[in-house]
PDB file of N, CA and C in Angstrom:
ATOM      1  N   MET A   1     -47.671 -56.764 -44.406  1.00  0.00           N
ATOM      2  CA  MET A   1     -47.487 -56.298 -43.001  1.00  0.00           C
ATOM      3  C   MET A   1     -46.987 -57.412 -42.163  1.00  0.00           C
ATOM      4  N   ARG A   2     -46.098 -57.115 -41.303  1.00  0.00           N
ATOM      5  CA  ARG A   2     -45.548 -58.175 -40.421  1.00  0.00           C
ATOM      6  C   ARG A   2     -46.414 -58.240 -39.136  1.00  0.00           C
ATOM      7  N   VAL A   3     -47.008 -59.382 -38.942  1.00  0.00           N
ATOM      8  CA  VAL A   3     -47.978 -59.529 -37.864  1.00  0.00           C
ATOM      9  C   VAL A   3     -47.301 -59.565 -36.547  1.00  0.00           C
ATOM     10  N   GLU A   4     -46.091 -60.165 -36.447  1.00  0.00           N
ATOM     11  CA  GLU A   4     -45.439 -60.224 -35.154  1.00  0.00           C
ATOM     12  C   GLU A   4     -45.105 -58.866 -34.565  1.00  0.00           C
ATOM     13  N   LEU A   5     -44.989 -57.833 -35.376  1.00  0.00           N
ATOM     14  CA  LEU A   5     -44.691 -56.492 -34.836  1.00  0.00           C
ATOM     15  C   LEU A   5     -45.939 -55.920 -34.148  1.00  0.00           C
ATOM     16  N   ILE A   6     -47.115 -56.195 -34.700  1.00  0.00           N
ATOM     17  CA  ILE A   6     -48.339 -55.683 -34.119  1.00  0.00           C
ATOM     18  C   ILE A   6     -48.541 -56.337 -32.727  1.00  0.00           C
ATOM     19  N   SER A   7     -48.244 -57.592 -32.634  1.00  0.00           N
ATOM     20  CA  SER A   7     -48.432 -58.279 -31.351  1.00  0.00           C
ATOM     21  C   SER A   7     -47.456 -57.783 -30.314  1.00  0.00           C
ATOM     22  N   LYS A   8     -46.261 -57.349 -30.775  1.00  0.00           N
ATOM     23  CA  LYS A   8     -45.313 -56.774 -29.792  1.00  0.00           C
ATOM     24  C   LYS A   8     -45.750 -55.400 -29.343  1.00  0.00           C
ATOM     25  N   VAL A   9     -46.302 -54.631 -30.234  1.00  0.00           N
ATOM     26  CA  VAL A   9     -46.804 -53.317 -29.886  1.00  0.00           C
ATOM     27  C   VAL A   9     -47.996 -53.464 -28.925  1.00  0.00           C
ATOM     28  N   ALA A  10     -48.908 -54.444 -29.190  1.00  0.00           N
ATOM     29  CA  ALA A  10     -50.062 -54.649 -28.353  1.00  0.00           C
ATOM     30  C   ALA A  10     -49.620 -55.137 -26.977  1.00  0.00           C
ATOM     31  N   ALA A  11     -48.547 -55.939 -26.891  1.00  0.00           N
ATOM     32  CA  ALA A  11     -48.023 -56.436 -25.595  1.00  0.00           C
ATOM     33  C   ALA A  11     -47.459 -55.271 -24.793  1.00  0.00           C
ATOM     34  N   THR A  12     -46.916 -54.299 -25.443  1.00  0.00           N
ATOM     35  CA  THR A  12     -46.287 -53.143 -24.747  1.00  0.00           C
ATOM     36  C   THR A  12     -47.334 -52.425 -24.007  1.00  0.00           C
ATOM     37  N   TYR A  13     -48.523 -52.248 -24.521  1.00  0.00           N
ATOM     38  CA  TYR A  13     -49.598 -51.468 -23.902  1.00  0.00           C
ATOM     39  C   TYR A  13     -50.610 -52.311 -23.085  1.00  0.00           C
ATOM     40  N   LYS A  14     -50.365 -53.585 -22.903  1.00  0.00           N
ATOM     41  CA  LYS A  14     -51.233 -54.422 -22.168  1.00  0.00           C
ATOM     42  C   LYS A  14     -51.161 -54.052 -20.670  1.00  0.00           C
ATOM     43  N   THR A  15     -52.285 -53.952 -20.041  1.00  0.00           N
ATOM     44  CA  THR A  15     -52.312 -53.664 -18.599  1.00  0.00           C
ATOM     45  C   THR A  15     -53.090 -54.708 -17.901  1.00  0.00           C
ATOM     46  N   ASP A  16     -52.865 -54.827 -16.568  1.00  0.00           N
ATOM     47  CA  ASP A  16     -53.590 -55.862 -15.778  1.00  0.00           C
ATOM     48  C   ASP A  16     -55.005 -55.339 -15.414  1.00  0.00           C
ATOM     49  N   LYS A  17     -55.136 -54.069 -15.298  1.00  0.00           N
ATOM     50  CA  LYS A  17     -56.430 -53.539 -14.875  1.00  0.00           C
ATOM     51  C   LYS A  17     -57.042 -52.764 -16.022  1.00  0.00           C
ATOM     52  N   VAL A  18     -58.332 -52.961 -16.239  1.00  0.00           N
ATOM     53  CA  VAL A  18     -59.023 -52.227 -17.254  1.00  0.00           C
ATOM     54  C   VAL A  18     -59.802 -51.110 -16.505  1.00  0.00           C
ATOM     55  N   THR A  19     -59.486 -49.899 -16.884  1.00  0.00           N
ATOM     56  CA  THR A  19     -60.159 -48.794 -16.307  1.00  0.00           C
ATOM     57  C   THR A  19     -61.110 -48.150 -17.302  1.00  0.00           C
ATOM     58  N   ALA A  20     -62.249 -47.788 -16.840  1.00  0.00           N
ATOM     59  CA  ALA A  20     -63.228 -47.154 -17.707  1.00  0.00           C
ATOM     60  C   ALA A  20     -63.511 -45.767 -17.215  1.00  0.00           C
ATOM     61  N   LYS A  21     -63.607 -44.835 -18.142  1.00  0.00           N
ATOM     62  CA  LYS A  21     -63.909 -43.496 -17.798  1.00  0.00           C
ATOM     63  C   LYS A  21     -65.374 -43.237 -18.141  1.00  0.00           C
ATOM     64  N   ARG A  22     -66.144 -42.938 -17.142  1.00  0.00           N
ATOM     65  CA  ARG A  22     -67.589 -42.767 -17.364  1.00  0.00           C
ATOM     66  C   ARG A  22     -67.926 -41.291 -17.182  1.00  0.00           C
ATOM     67  N   ASN A  23     -68.642 -40.778 -18.137  1.00  0.00           N
ATOM     68  CA  ASN A  23     -69.099 -39.420 -18.086  1.00  0.00           C
ATOM     69  C   ASN A  23     -70.563 -39.425 -17.809  1.00  0.00           C
ATOM     70  N   VAL A  24     -70.999 -38.668 -16.829  1.00  0.00           N
ATOM     71  CA  VAL A  24     -72.417 -38.584 -16.498  1.00  0.00           C
ATOM     72  C   VAL A  24     -72.986 -37.308 -17.082  1.00  0.00           C
ATOM     73  N   TYR A  25     -73.964 -37.499 -17.996  1.00  0.00           N
ATOM     74  CA  TYR A  25     -74.570 -36.356 -18.618  1.00  0.00           C
ATOM     75  C   TYR A  25     -76.045 -36.340 -18.237  1.00  0.00           C
ATOM     76  N   SER A  26     -76.570 -35.188 -18.097  1.00  0.00           N
ATOM     77  CA  SER A  26     -78.029 -35.075 -17.874  1.00  0.00           C
ATOM     78  C   SER A  26     -78.683 -35.114 -19.240  1.00  0.00           C
ATOM     79  N   THR A  27     -79.893 -35.593 -19.230  1.00  0.00           N
ATOM     80  CA  THR A  27     -80.588 -35.791 -20.539  1.00  0.00           C
ATOM     81  C   THR A  27     -80.856 -34.409 -21.180  1.00  0.00           C
ATOM     82  N   ALA A  28     -80.928 -33.370 -20.408  1.00  0.00           N
ATOM     83  CA  ALA A  28     -81.211 -32.073 -20.989  1.00  0.00           C
ATOM     84  C   ALA A  28     -79.968 -31.473 -21.668  1.00  0.00           C
ATOM     85  N   VAL A  29     -78.755 -31.914 -21.256  1.00  0.00           N
ATOM     86  CA  VAL A  29     -77.513 -31.353 -21.814  1.00  0.00           C
ATOM     87  C   VAL A  29     -77.157 -31.956 -23.130  1.00  0.00           C
ATOM     88  N   SER A  30     -77.264 -33.303 -23.248  1.00  0.00           N
ATOM     89  CA  SER A  30     -76.808 -33.978 -24.456  1.00  0.00           C
ATOM     90  C   SER A  30     -77.731 -35.052 -24.908  1.00  0.00           C
ATOM     91  N   ASP A  31     -78.137 -35.063 -26.158  1.00  0.00           N
ATOM     92  CA  ASP A  31     -78.935 -36.119 -26.713  1.00  0.00           C
ATOM     93  C   ASP A  31     -78.146 -36.917 -27.746  1.00  0.00           C
ATOM     94  N   ARG A  32     -76.883 -36.761 -27.790  1.00  0.00           N
ATOM     95  CA  ARG A  32     -76.032 -37.483 -28.773  1.00  0.00           C
ATOM     96  C   ARG A  32     -75.002 -38.353 -28.046  1.00  0.00           C
ATOM     97  N   ASP A  33     -74.482 -39.325 -28.816  1.00  0.00           N
ATOM     98  CA  ASP A  33     -73.497 -40.246 -28.286  1.00  0.00           C
ATOM     99  C   ASP A  33     -72.134 -39.549 -28.330  1.00  0.00           C
ATOM    100  N   GLN A  34     -71.297 -39.932 -27.387  1.00  0.00           N
ATOM    101  CA  GLN A  34     -69.975 -39.343 -27.315  1.00  0.00           C
ATOM    102  C   GLN A  34     -68.908 -40.456 -27.128  1.00  0.00           C
ATOM    103  N   LEU A  35     -67.751 -40.271 -27.588  1.00  0.00           N
ATOM    104  CA  LEU A  35     -66.665 -41.232 -27.531  1.00  0.00           C
ATOM    105  C   LEU A  35     -65.493 -40.637 -26.900  1.00  0.00           C
ATOM    106  N   SER A  36     -64.913 -41.320 -25.900  1.00  0.00           N
ATOM    107  CA  SER A  36     -63.690 -40.795 -25.212  1.00  0.00           C
ATOM    108  C   SER A  36     -62.631 -41.900 -25.316  1.00  0.00           C
ATOM    109  N   ILE A  37     -61.491 -41.596 -25.879  1.00  0.00           N
ATOM    110  CA  ILE A  37     -60.398 -42.530 -26.009  1.00  0.00           C
ATOM    111  C   ILE A  37     -59.288 -42.160 -25.024  1.00  0.00           C
ATOM    112  N   SER A  38     -58.814 -43.207 -24.308  1.00  0.00           N
ATOM    113  CA  SER A  38     -57.778 -43.014 -23.303  1.00  0.00           C
ATOM    114  C   SER A  38     -56.487 -42.703 -23.996  1.00  0.00           C
ATOM    115  N   GLN A  39     -55.521 -42.183 -23.232  1.00  0.00           N
ATOM    116  CA  GLN A  39     -54.197 -41.891 -23.814  1.00  0.00           C
ATOM    117  C   GLN A  39     -53.506 -43.172 -24.248  1.00  0.00           C
ATOM    118  N   THR A  40     -53.702 -44.267 -23.484  1.00  0.00           N
ATOM    119  CA  THR A  40     -53.135 -45.568 -23.885  1.00  0.00           C
ATOM    120  C   THR A  40     -53.698 -46.050 -25.228  1.00  0.00           C
ATOM    121  N   GLY A  41     -55.006 -45.896 -25.362  1.00  0.00           N
ATOM    122  CA  GLY A  41     -55.670 -46.281 -26.615  1.00  0.00           C
ATOM    123  C   GLY A  41     -55.147 -45.421 -27.764  1.00  0.00           C
ATOM    124  N   TYR A  42     -54.961 -44.131 -27.557  1.00  0.00           N
ATOM    125  CA  TYR A  42     -54.534 -43.220 -28.610  1.00  0.00           C
ATOM    126  C   TYR A  42     -53.010 -43.611 -28.959  1.00  0.00           C
ATOM    127  N   ASP A  43     -52.216 -43.873 -27.974  1.00  0.00           N
ATOM    128  CA  ASP A  43     -50.832 -44.285 -28.238  1.00  0.00           C
ATOM    129  C   ASP A  43     -50.783 -45.577 -29.046  1.00  0.00           C
ATOM    130  N   TYR A  44     -51.679 -46.530 -28.676  1.00  0.00           N
ATOM    131  CA  TYR A  44     -51.702 -47.824 -29.376  1.00  0.00           C
ATOM    132  C   TYR A  44     -52.137 -47.602 -30.819  1.00  0.00           C
ATOM    133  N   GLN A  45     -53.105 -46.681 -31.071  1.00  0.00           N
ATOM    134  CA  GLN A  45     -53.563 -46.376 -32.396  1.00  0.00           C
ATOM    135  C   GLN A  45     -52.423 -45.820 -33.244  1.00  0.00           C
ATOM    136  N   ILE A  46     -51.690 -44.885 -32.671  1.00  0.00           N
ATOM    137  CA  ILE A  46     -50.554 -44.249 -33.387  1.00  0.00           C
ATOM    138  C   ILE A  46     -49.435 -45.282 -33.718  1.00  0.00           C
ATOM    139  N   ALA A  47     -49.172 -46.148 -32.737  1.00  0.00           N
ATOM    140  CA  ALA A  47     -48.121 -47.194 -32.964  1.00  0.00           C
ATOM    141  C   ALA A  47     -48.581 -48.186 -34.039  1.00  0.00           C
ATOM    142  N   LYS A  48     -49.842 -48.573 -34.004  1.00  0.00           N
ATOM    143  CA  LYS A  48     -50.369 -49.514 -35.024  1.00  0.00           C
ATOM    144  C   LYS A  48     -50.315 -48.879 -36.359  1.00  0.00           C
ATOM    145  N   GLN A  49     -50.629 -47.587 -36.485  1.00  0.00           N
ATOM    146  CA  GLN A  49     -50.578 -46.888 -37.765  1.00  0.00           C
ATOM    147  C   GLN A  49     -49.119 -46.820 -38.294  1.00  0.00           C
ATOM    148  N   ALA A  50     -48.171 -46.620 -37.401  1.00  0.00           N
ATOM    149  CA  ALA A  50     -46.814 -46.498 -37.789  1.00  0.00           C
ATOM    150  C   ALA A  50     -46.256 -47.803 -38.318  1.00  0.00           C
ATOM    151  N   VAL A  51     -46.683 -48.941 -37.651  1.00  0.00           N
ATOM    152  CA  VAL A  51     -46.288 -50.275 -38.126  1.00  0.00           C
ATOM    153  C   VAL A  51     -46.899 -50.580 -39.447  1.00  0.00           C
ATOM    154  N   ALA A  52     -48.192 -50.160 -39.641  1.00  0.00           N
ATOM    155  CA  ALA A  52     -48.868 -50.437 -40.936  1.00  0.00           C
ATOM    156  C   ALA A  52     -48.219 -49.665 -42.089  1.00  0.00           C
ATOM    157  N   GLU A  53     -47.684 -48.460 -41.787  1.00  0.00           N
ATOM    158  CA  GLU A  53     -47.101 -47.620 -42.793  1.00  0.00           C
ATOM    159  C   GLU A  53     -45.649 -48.013 -43.094  1.00  0.00           C
ATOM    160  N   ALA A  54     -45.026 -48.747 -42.161  1.00  0.00           N
ATOM    161  CA  ALA A  54     -43.647 -49.086 -42.361  1.00  0.00           C
ATOM    162  C   ALA A  54     -43.464 -50.196 -43.440  1.00  0.00           C
ATOM    163  N   SER A  55     -42.446 -50.041 -44.219  1.00  0.00           N
ATOM    164  CA  SER A  55     -42.155 -50.988 -45.259  1.00  0.00           C
ATOM    165  C   SER A  55     -41.593 -52.243 -44.712  1.00  0.00           C
ATOM    166  N   ASP A  56     -42.009 -53.421 -45.253  1.00  0.00           N
ATOM    167  CA  ASP A  56     -41.495 -54.700 -44.825  1.00  0.00           C
ATOM    168  C   ASP A  56     -40.087 -54.888 -45.447  1.00  0.00           C
ATOM    169  N   ILE A  57     -39.695 -54.132 -46.395  1.00  0.00           N
ATOM    170  CA  ILE A  57     -38.410 -54.323 -47.100  1.00  0.00           C
ATOM    171  C   ILE A  57     -37.503 -53.136 -46.716  1.00  0.00           C
ATOM    172  N   ARG A  58     -36.318 -53.466 -46.226  1.00  0.00           N
ATOM    173  CA  ARG A  58     -35.294 -52.410 -45.909  1.00  0.00           C
ATOM    174  C   ARG A  58     -34.516 -52.103 -47.193  1.00  0.00           C
ATOM    175  N   GLU A  59     -34.909 -51.080 -47.876  1.00  0.00           N
ATOM    176  CA  GLU A  59     -34.391 -50.769 -49.230  1.00  0.00           C
ATOM    177  C   GLU A  59     -32.851 -50.557 -49.172  1.00  0.00           C
ATOM    178  N   ASP A  60     -32.347 -49.934 -48.069  1.00  0.00           N
ATOM    179  CA  ASP A  60     -30.898 -49.667 -47.937  1.00  0.00           C
ATOM    180  C   ASP A  60     -30.133 -51.034 -47.953  1.00  0.00           C
ATOM    181  N   LYS A  61     -30.646 -52.009 -47.241  1.00  0.00           N
ATOM    182  CA  LYS A  61     -29.973 -53.325 -47.143  1.00  0.00           C
ATOM    183  C   LYS A  61     -30.038 -54.053 -48.494  1.00  0.00           C
ATOM    184  N   VAL A  62     -31.229 -53.936 -49.151  1.00  0.00           N
ATOM    185  CA  VAL A  62     -31.451 -54.637 -50.438  1.00  0.00           C
ATOM    186  C   VAL A  62     -30.522 -54.034 -51.487  1.00  0.00           C
ATOM    187  N   SER A  63     -30.422 -52.736 -51.531  1.00  0.00           N
ATOM    188  CA  SER A  63     -29.529 -52.100 -52.557  1.00  0.00           C
ATOM    189  C   SER A  63     -28.058 -52.441 -52.320  1.00  0.00           C
ATOM    190  N   GLN A  64     -27.653 -52.505 -51.058  1.00  0.00           N
ATOM    191  CA  GLN A  64     -26.275 -52.862 -50.746  1.00  0.00           C
ATOM    192  C   GLN A  64     -25.984 -54.298 -51.167  1.00  0.00           C
ATOM    193  N   LEU A  65     -26.918 -55.222 -50.931  1.00  0.00           N
ATOM    194  CA  LEU A  65     -26.701 -56.590 -51.330  1.00  0.00           C
ATOM    195  C   LEU A  65     -26.743 -56.757 -52.818  1.00  0.00           C
ATOM    196  N   LYS A  66     -27.612 -56.010 -53.559  1.00  0.00           N
ATOM    197  CA  LYS A  66     -27.623 -56.077 -54.976  1.00  0.00           C
ATOM    198  C   LYS A  66     -26.287 -55.629 -55.570  1.00  0.00           C
ATOM    199  N   GLU A  67     -25.751 -54.587 -55.024  1.00  0.00           N
ATOM    200  CA  GLU A  67     -24.442 -54.123 -55.510  1.00  0.00           C
ATOM    201  C   GLU A  67     -23.330 -55.178 -55.295  1.00  0.00           C
ATOM    202  N   GLN A  68     -23.355 -55.814 -54.068  1.00  0.00           N
ATOM    203  CA  GLN A  68     -22.345 -56.847 -53.831  1.00  0.00           C
ATOM    204  C   GLN A  68     -22.530 -58.066 -54.756  1.00  0.00           C
ATOM    205  N   ILE A  69     -23.762 -58.438 -55.074  1.00  0.00           N
ATOM    206  CA  ILE A  69     -24.007 -59.530 -55.945  1.00  0.00           C
ATOM    207  C   ILE A  69     -23.565 -59.203 -57.343  1.00  0.00           C
ATOM    208  N   ALA A  70     -23.909 -57.985 -57.821  1.00  0.00           N
ATOM    209  CA  ALA A  70     -23.543 -57.542 -59.135  1.00  0.00           C
ATOM    210  C   ALA A  70     -22.036 -57.503 -59.376  1.00  0.00           C
ATOM    211  N   SER A  71     -21.282 -57.171 -58.310  1.00  0.00           N
ATOM    212  CA  SER A  71     -19.839 -57.050 -58.457  1.00  0.00           C
ATOM    213  C   SER A  71     -19.108 -58.336 -58.009  1.00  0.00           C
ATOM    214  N   ASN A  72     -19.876 -59.407 -57.777  1.00  0.00           N
ATOM    215  CA  ASN A  72     -19.298 -60.674 -57.358  1.00  0.00           C
ATOM    216  C   ASN A  72     -18.545 -60.663 -56.028  1.00  0.00           C
ATOM    217  N   LYS A  73     -18.946 -59.726 -55.186  1.00  0.00           N
ATOM    218  CA  LYS A  73     -18.279 -59.616 -53.863  1.00  0.00           C
ATOM    219  C   LYS A  73     -19.061 -60.186 -52.743  1.00  0.00           C
ATOM    220  N   TYR A  74     -20.233 -60.699 -53.040  1.00  0.00           N
ATOM    221  CA  TYR A  74     -21.160 -61.215 -52.048  1.00  0.00           C
ATOM    222  C   TYR A  74     -20.771 -62.731 -51.824  1.00  0.00           C
ATOM    223  N   SER A  75     -20.516 -63.043 -50.605  1.00  0.00           N
ATOM    224  CA  SER A  75     -20.209 -64.429 -50.262  1.00  0.00           C
ATOM    225  C   SER A  75     -20.912 -64.796 -48.933  1.00  0.00           C
ATOM    226  N   VAL A  76     -21.337 -66.091 -48.860  1.00  0.00           N
ATOM    227  CA  VAL A  76     -22.031 -66.584 -47.665  1.00  0.00           C
ATOM    228  C   VAL A  76     -21.179 -67.644 -47.025  1.00  0.00           C
ATOM    229  N   ASP A  77     -20.985 -67.514 -45.721  1.00  0.00           N
ATOM    230  CA  ASP A  77     -20.227 -68.522 -44.972  1.00  0.00           C
ATOM    231  C   ASP A  77     -21.149 -69.707 -44.760  1.00  0.00           C
ATOM    232  N   ALA A  78     -20.697 -70.896 -45.205  1.00  0.00           N
ATOM    233  CA  ALA A  78     -21.524 -72.085 -45.113  1.00  0.00           C
ATOM    234  C   ALA A  78     -21.969 -72.454 -43.705  1.00  0.00           C
ATOM    235  N   GLY A  79     -21.029 -72.216 -42.728  1.00  0.00           N
ATOM    236  CA  GLY A  79     -21.361 -72.490 -41.360  1.00  0.00           C
ATOM    237  C   GLY A  79     -22.423 -71.554 -40.810  1.00  0.00           C
ATOM    238  N   ASP A  80     -22.415 -70.261 -41.153  1.00  0.00           N
ATOM    239  CA  ASP A  80     -23.389 -69.327 -40.773  1.00  0.00           C
ATOM    240  C   ASP A  80     -24.762 -69.700 -41.364  1.00  0.00           C
ATOM    241  N   PHE A  81     -24.718 -70.048 -42.614  1.00  0.00           N
ATOM    242  CA  PHE A  81     -25.955 -70.412 -43.264  1.00  0.00           C
ATOM    243  C   PHE A  81     -26.591 -71.668 -42.656  1.00  0.00           C
ATOM    244  N   ALA A  82     -25.756 -72.631 -42.353  1.00  0.00           N
ATOM    245  CA  ALA A  82     -26.241 -73.923 -41.770  1.00  0.00           C
ATOM    246  C   ALA A  82     -26.829 -73.633 -40.366  1.00  0.00           C
ATOM    247  N   SER A  83     -26.182 -72.843 -39.604  1.00  0.00           N
ATOM    248  CA  SER A  83     -26.670 -72.528 -38.230  1.00  0.00           C
ATOM    249  C   SER A  83     -27.970 -71.753 -38.251  1.00  0.00           C
ATOM    250  N   LYS A  84     -28.151 -70.808 -39.172  1.00  0.00           N
ATOM    251  CA  LYS A  84     -29.412 -70.131 -39.338  1.00  0.00           C
ATOM    252  C   LYS A  84     -30.503 -71.042 -39.814  1.00  0.00           C
ATOM    253  N   LEU A  85     -30.148 -71.927 -40.719  1.00  0.00           N
ATOM    254  CA  LEU A  85     -31.135 -72.850 -41.260  1.00  0.00           C
ATOM    255  C   LEU A  85     -31.614 -73.800 -40.126  1.00  0.00           C
ATOM    256  N   LEU A  86     -30.708 -74.289 -39.321  1.00  0.00           N
ATOM    257  CA  LEU A  86     -31.099 -75.137 -38.201  1.00  0.00           C
ATOM    258  C   LEU A  86     -31.940 -74.398 -37.157  1.00  0.00           C
ATOM    259  N   GLU A  87     -31.545 -73.143 -36.920  1.00  0.00           N
ATOM    260  CA  GLU A  87     -32.259 -72.339 -35.961  1.00  0.00           C
ATOM    261  C   GLU A  87     -33.728 -72.111 -36.384  1.00  0.00           C
ATOM    262  N   GLN A  88     -33.929 -71.845 -37.680  1.00  0.00           N
ATOM    263  CA  GLN A  88     -35.281 -71.708 -38.205  1.00  0.00           C
ATOM    264  C   GLN A  88     -36.064 -73.005 -38.158  1.00  0.00           C
ATOM    265  N   TYR A  89     -35.401 -74.108 -38.496  1.00  0.00           N
ATOM    266  CA  TYR A  89     -36.012 -75.447 -38.441  1.00  0.00           C
ATOM    267  C   TYR A  89     -36.456 -75.778 -36.997  1.00  0.00           C
ATOM    268  N   ASN A  90     -35.613 -75.533 -36.066  1.00  0.00           N
ATOM    269  CA  ASN A  90     -35.924 -75.811 -34.629  1.00  0.00           C
ATOM    270  C   ASN A  90     -37.076 -74.954 -34.137  1.00  0.00           C
ATOM    271  N   ALA A  91     -37.108 -73.701 -34.596  1.00  0.00           N
ATOM    272  CA  ALA A  91     -38.177 -72.823 -34.184  1.00  0.00           C
ATOM    273  C   ALA A  91     -39.549 -73.256 -34.718  1.00  0.00           C
ATOM    274  N   LEU A  92     -39.521 -73.811 -35.900  1.00  0.00           N
ATOM    275  CA  LEU A  92     -40.814 -74.347 -36.528  1.00  0.00           C
ATOM    276  C   LEU A  92     -41.282 -75.604 -35.796  1.00  0.00           C
ATOM    277  N   ASN A  93     -40.393 -76.374 -35.258  1.00  0.00           N
ATOM    278  CA  ASN A  93     -40.746 -77.638 -34.665  1.00  0.00           C
ATOM    279  C   ASN A  93     -41.001 -77.606 -33.161  1.00  0.00           C
ATOM    280  N   LYS A  94     -41.051 -76.402 -32.660  1.00  0.00           N
ATOM    281  CA  LYS A  94     -41.383 -76.255 -31.156  1.00  0.00           C
ATOM    282  C   LYS A  94     -42.832 -76.262 -30.938  1.00  0.00           C
TER     283      LYS A  94
END
């Protein structure tokens, strides 16, 4: 699972104010615990589940690249490769 996706989903639903919904029950009406989930919490739960179920591998891209490699049509531009390599190196050293 890709952790950075969960943090992006969590950041989407982050709010400045925390609101609590309190239900007042009389002791004669209810002797059991109850749970109430806000709409934001429910949306977050659905988004988190969708991210967890999503594949980390994009099969369509992988199969396309496999075909190109098998037919010797896959080529990498050295300049593009070097720039991506430097970009990743610089990101790690920040």
